[in-house]
Structure formats: C-alpha cells, structure tokens
Amino acid sequence: MSDAENFSIRIKVRHYELDSLGHLNHAVYHQYAEVARLEWFESVGGGGNGLRDANIAPVLLETHVRFRRELRAADVVDVSLAVTFGEGKTFAMNSEIRQLDGTLAAEIECIVGAMDMAMRKLVGDPHGEFVKAGLRV
C-alpha cells in the first residue's frame, strides 16, 4: 500500500472549536476531514502548479459524518484518509477520526469530483487527469 493510499494527519482539538456542551462542534469534524484531504493532495504532488496548469480542481460533491464519540479540548486525534478511484466522474475520499488510543470518534464519507475550470464541468476520468497533471495517485 502506497502513502497515497494510507494517509493520516495528527490534529489537536483547540478550545475555540468546542460547542456549548464542551465537545467538538459538529462542523469542525468536517474541517478536520478537509485538512486531511488538502494535505493528501499536497503529499501526492497536487500542491504545486500541476492541477492549476491542467486547469482542474477537486470539488466536494457530498459529505456524510457519523459521530461515534465526543472529542474535548486538548484531545489529540489522527485523521486518516482513504482515497478510492473507480469508474466515472467521482471518487471517494473517506476519513476516520481516531483518538490516540484507537477509539473511533467519527467517520466521514466524501464524494469528490475533478472540475474542468474552463468548462465548469466534471472531467470524465479524475484519476487519469490527476496522473496527467503529475500527481502520484
């Protein structure tokens, strides 16, 4: 399994991310998954001009979160990311947020596409376009 298929980033829960109940605000789970997605693109070579020069950009089409355990201030979590390309215009970028002891705090499923920025439409083969743009996917 390559690094592109087995990606994780560590994040510390900050006090200003908490809601009135004292646990991580629901929207911040989405943000943590977004951090993992953006860092993954950076790690596979998408942070340079490759995507920009190819005039394509990833676009989030759908997201779903399952909350499993609360997170509180100063908790440290690992946010994993599994990227799965298949047939068609979309691909999956799914994350798990786990406490350091392995406790699953949330699962985030995302459907993503690659948009042709000139035509403002999804490309037919996002994996192929990413490879042409120089990403190591």
C-alpha atoms as a PDB file:
ATOM      1  CA  MET A   1       0.000   0.000   0.000  1.00  0.00           C
ATOM      2  CA  SER A   2       1.448   3.369  -1.000  1.00  0.00           C
ATOM      3  CA  ASP A   3       1.493   6.562   1.046  1.00  0.00           C
ATOM      4  CA  ALA A   4      -1.182   7.896  -1.304  1.00  0.00           C
ATOM      5  CA  GLU A   5      -3.435   5.042  -0.168  1.00  0.00           C
ATOM      6  CA  ASN A   6      -2.523   5.182   3.535  1.00  0.00           C
ATOM      7  CA  PHE A   7      -2.558   8.804   4.675  1.00  0.00           C
ATOM      8  CA  SER A   8      -3.005  10.239   8.165  1.00  0.00           C
ATOM      9  CA  ILE A   9      -2.522  13.585   9.887  1.00  0.00           C
ATOM     10  CA  ARG A  10      -2.495  14.415  13.598  1.00  0.00           C
ATOM     11  CA  ILE A  11      -4.596  17.306  14.943  1.00  0.00           C
ATOM     12  CA  LYS A  12      -5.052  18.716  18.452  1.00  0.00           C
ATOM     13  CA  VAL A  13      -8.573  19.815  19.445  1.00  0.00           C
ATOM     14  CA  ARG A  14      -8.482  23.506  20.366  1.00  0.00           C
ATOM     15  CA  HIS A  15     -10.733  25.106  22.946  1.00  0.00           C
ATOM     16  CA  TYR A  16     -12.286  27.553  20.485  1.00  0.00           C
ATOM     17  CA  GLU A  17     -13.549  24.594  18.401  1.00  0.00           C
ATOM     18  CA  LEU A  18     -15.881  23.449  21.175  1.00  0.00           C
ATOM     19  CA  ASP A  19     -19.629  23.952  21.300  1.00  0.00           C
ATOM     20  CA  SER A  20     -21.756  24.967  24.302  1.00  0.00           C
ATOM     21  CA  LEU A  21     -21.721  21.356  25.567  1.00  0.00           C
ATOM     22  CA  GLY A  22     -17.935  21.376  25.819  1.00  0.00           C
ATOM     23  CA  HIS A  23     -17.252  18.973  22.969  1.00  0.00           C
ATOM     24  CA  LEU A  24     -16.004  19.453  19.436  1.00  0.00           C
ATOM     25  CA  ASN A  25     -18.526  21.348  17.325  1.00  0.00           C
ATOM     26  CA  HIS A  26     -20.080  19.192  14.604  1.00  0.00           C
ATOM     27  CA  ALA A  27     -18.820  21.420  11.784  1.00  0.00           C
ATOM     28  CA  VAL A  28     -15.227  21.036  12.922  1.00  0.00           C
ATOM     29  CA  TYR A  29     -15.302  17.297  12.141  1.00  0.00           C
ATOM     30  CA  HIS A  30     -15.863  18.342   8.515  1.00  0.00           C
ATOM     31  CA  GLN A  31     -12.947  20.766   8.787  1.00  0.00           C
ATOM     32  CA  TYR A  32     -10.629  18.065  10.102  1.00  0.00           C
ATOM     33  CA  ALA A  33     -11.542  15.846   7.143  1.00  0.00           C
ATOM     34  CA  GLU A  34     -10.918  18.798   4.812  1.00  0.00           C
ATOM     35  CA  VAL A  35      -7.473  19.298   6.345  1.00  0.00           C
ATOM     36  CA  ALA A  36      -6.698  15.631   5.638  1.00  0.00           C
ATOM     37  CA  ARG A  37      -7.919  15.931   2.034  1.00  0.00           C
ATOM     38  CA  LEU A  38      -5.888  19.072   1.352  1.00  0.00           C
ATOM     39  CA  GLU A  39      -2.765  17.637   2.989  1.00  0.00           C
ATOM     40  CA  TRP A  40      -3.195  14.435   0.952  1.00  0.00           C
ATOM     41  CA  PHE A  41      -3.304  16.420  -2.296  1.00  0.00           C
ATOM     42  CA  GLU A  42      -0.154  18.225  -1.168  1.00  0.00           C
ATOM     43  CA  SER A  43       1.574  14.916  -0.342  1.00  0.00           C
ATOM     44  CA  VAL A  44       0.900  13.407  -3.783  1.00  0.00           C
ATOM     45  CA  GLY A  45       2.141  16.458  -5.679  1.00  0.00           C
ATOM     46  CA  GLY A  46      -1.071  18.433  -6.009  1.00  0.00           C
ATOM     47  CA  GLY A  47       0.222  21.437  -4.115  1.00  0.00           C
ATOM     48  CA  GLY A  48       2.315  22.759  -6.989  1.00  0.00           C
ATOM     49  CA  ASN A  49       1.128  24.106 -10.282  1.00  0.00           C
ATOM     50  CA  GLY A  50       0.168  20.718 -11.788  1.00  0.00           C
ATOM     51  CA  LEU A  51      -3.546  20.987 -11.152  1.00  0.00           C
ATOM     52  CA  ARG A  52      -3.562  24.716 -11.828  1.00  0.00           C
ATOM     53  CA  ASP A  53      -1.697  24.235 -15.126  1.00  0.00           C
ATOM     54  CA  ALA A  54      -4.120  21.440 -16.070  1.00  0.00           C
ATOM     55  CA  ASN A  55      -6.964  23.837 -15.228  1.00  0.00           C
ATOM     56  CA  ILE A  56      -8.691  21.299 -12.977  1.00  0.00           C
ATOM     57  CA  ALA A  57      -9.598  21.424  -9.311  1.00  0.00           C
ATOM     58  CA  PRO A  58     -11.065  18.936  -6.850  1.00  0.00           C
ATOM     59  CA  VAL A  59     -14.608  19.759  -5.811  1.00  0.00           C
ATOM     60  CA  LEU A  60     -16.518  18.298  -2.866  1.00  0.00           C
ATOM     61  CA  LEU A  61     -19.896  16.997  -4.020  1.00  0.00           C
ATOM     62  CA  GLU A  62     -21.240  15.161  -0.988  1.00  0.00           C
ATOM     63  CA  THR A  63     -20.224  14.553   2.612  1.00  0.00           C
ATOM     64  CA  HIS A  64     -21.668  12.453   5.412  1.00  0.00           C
ATOM     65  CA  VAL A  65     -20.483  12.209   9.021  1.00  0.00           C
ATOM     66  CA  ARG A  66     -21.186   9.523  11.608  1.00  0.00           C
ATOM     67  CA  PHE A  67     -20.374  10.791  15.081  1.00  0.00           C
ATOM     68  CA  ARG A  68     -19.151   7.936  17.317  1.00  0.00           C
ATOM     69  CA  ARG A  69     -17.505   9.524  20.388  1.00  0.00           C
ATOM     70  CA  GLU A  70     -17.192  13.057  21.660  1.00  0.00           C
ATOM     71  CA  LEU A  71     -13.929  14.939  21.465  1.00  0.00           C
ATOM     72  CA  ARG A  72     -12.957  17.535  24.042  1.00  0.00           C
ATOM     73  CA  ALA A  73     -10.354  20.289  24.364  1.00  0.00           C
ATOM     74  CA  ALA A  74      -6.737  19.112  24.209  1.00  0.00           C
ATOM     75  CA  ASP A  75      -7.667  15.699  22.768  1.00  0.00           C
ATOM     76  CA  VAL A  76      -5.257  14.685  20.032  1.00  0.00           C
ATOM     77  CA  VAL A  77      -6.612  12.774  17.069  1.00  0.00           C
ATOM     78  CA  ASP A  78      -5.346  11.073  13.960  1.00  0.00           C
ATOM     79  CA  VAL A  79      -7.391  11.787  10.849  1.00  0.00           C
ATOM     80  CA  SER A  80      -6.876   9.073   8.259  1.00  0.00           C
ATOM     81  CA  LEU A  81      -7.793   9.312   4.622  1.00  0.00           C
ATOM     82  CA  ALA A  82      -8.552   6.558   2.137  1.00  0.00           C
ATOM     83  CA  VAL A  83      -8.873   7.620  -1.492  1.00  0.00           C
ATOM     84  CA  THR A  84     -10.689   5.286  -3.866  1.00  0.00           C
ATOM     85  CA  PHE A  85     -10.924   5.877  -7.592  1.00  0.00           C
ATOM     86  CA  GLY A  86     -13.422   3.885  -9.604  1.00  0.00           C
ATOM     87  CA  GLU A  87     -15.307   4.295 -12.843  1.00  0.00           C
ATOM     88  CA  GLY A  88     -16.941   7.573 -13.747  1.00  0.00           C
ATOM     89  CA  LYS A  89     -16.619  11.190 -12.786  1.00  0.00           C
ATOM     90  CA  THR A  90     -16.407  10.860  -8.998  1.00  0.00           C
ATOM     91  CA  PHE A  91     -14.149   9.263  -6.422  1.00  0.00           C
ATOM     92  CA  ALA A  92     -14.329   8.653  -2.682  1.00  0.00           C
ATOM     93  CA  MET A  93     -12.220  10.358  -0.017  1.00  0.00           C
ATOM     94  CA  ASN A  94     -13.192   8.768   3.298  1.00  0.00           C
ATOM     95  CA  SER A  95     -11.746   9.637   6.697  1.00  0.00           C
ATOM     96  CA  GLU A  96     -11.764   8.256  10.186  1.00  0.00           C
ATOM     97  CA  ILE A  97     -11.029  10.437  13.187  1.00  0.00           C
ATOM     98  CA  ARG A  98      -9.489   8.389  15.979  1.00  0.00           C
ATOM     99  CA  GLN A  99      -8.207   9.273  19.406  1.00  0.00           C
ATOM    100  CA  LEU A 100      -4.633   8.174  20.078  1.00  0.00           C
ATOM    101  CA  ASP A 101      -5.879   5.110  21.972  1.00  0.00           C
ATOM    102  CA  GLY A 102      -7.631   3.984  18.769  1.00  0.00           C
ATOM    103  CA  THR A 103     -11.164   4.997  19.785  1.00  0.00           C
ATOM    104  CA  LEU A 104     -13.180   5.906  16.698  1.00  0.00           C
ATOM    105  CA  ALA A 105     -14.640   9.401  17.130  1.00  0.00           C
ATOM    106  CA  ALA A 106     -16.110   9.907  13.658  1.00  0.00           C
ATOM    107  CA  GLU A 107     -16.345   8.551  10.140  1.00  0.00           C
ATOM    108  CA  ILE A 108     -16.578  10.987   7.247  1.00  0.00           C
ATOM    109  CA  GLU A 109     -17.516   9.820   3.757  1.00  0.00           C
ATOM    110  CA  CYS A 110     -16.987  12.225   0.875  1.00  0.00           C
ATOM    111  CA  ILE A 111     -17.744  12.051  -2.818  1.00  0.00           C
ATOM    112  CA  VAL A 112     -15.409  14.255  -4.828  1.00  0.00           C
ATOM    113  CA  GLY A 113     -15.015  15.159  -8.485  1.00  0.00           C
ATOM    114  CA  ALA A 114     -12.431  16.994 -10.535  1.00  0.00           C
ATOM    115  CA  MET A 115     -13.779  20.102 -12.223  1.00  0.00           C
ATOM    116  CA  ASP A 116     -12.547  21.433 -15.536  1.00  0.00           C
ATOM    117  CA  MET A 117     -12.276  25.077 -14.526  1.00  0.00           C
ATOM    118  CA  ALA A 118     -12.845  26.432 -18.051  1.00  0.00           C
ATOM    119  CA  MET A 119     -15.923  24.325 -18.823  1.00  0.00           C
ATOM    120  CA  ARG A 120     -17.162  24.315 -15.200  1.00  0.00           C
ATOM    121  CA  LYS A 121     -17.978  20.611 -15.535  1.00  0.00           C
ATOM    122  CA  LEU A 122     -16.608  17.446 -14.002  1.00  0.00           C
ATOM    123  CA  VAL A 123     -13.954  15.623 -16.001  1.00  0.00           C
ATOM    124  CA  GLY A 124     -14.783  12.070 -17.052  1.00  0.00           C
ATOM    125  CA  ASP A 125     -11.710  10.406 -15.536  1.00  0.00           C
ATOM    126  CA  PRO A 126     -10.425  12.239 -12.435  1.00  0.00           C
ATOM    127  CA  HIS A 127      -7.700   9.663 -11.756  1.00  0.00           C
ATOM    128  CA  GLY A 128      -6.372   9.948 -15.300  1.00  0.00           C
ATOM    129  CA  GLU A 129      -6.451  13.751 -15.167  1.00  0.00           C
ATOM    130  CA  PHE A 130      -4.586  13.772 -11.856  1.00  0.00           C
ATOM    131  CA  VAL A 131      -1.909  11.460 -13.264  1.00  0.00           C
ATOM    132  CA  LYS A 132      -1.554  13.679 -16.375  1.00  0.00           C
ATOM    133  CA  ALA A 133      -1.157  16.673 -14.032  1.00  0.00           C
ATOM    134  CA  GLY A 134       1.746  14.912 -12.290  1.00  0.00           C
ATOM    135  CA  LEU A 135       0.056  13.695  -9.093  1.00  0.00           C
ATOM    136  CA  ARG A 136       1.343  10.392  -7.679  1.00  0.00           C
ATOM    137  CA  VAL A 137      -2.024   8.684  -7.297  1.00  0.00           C
END
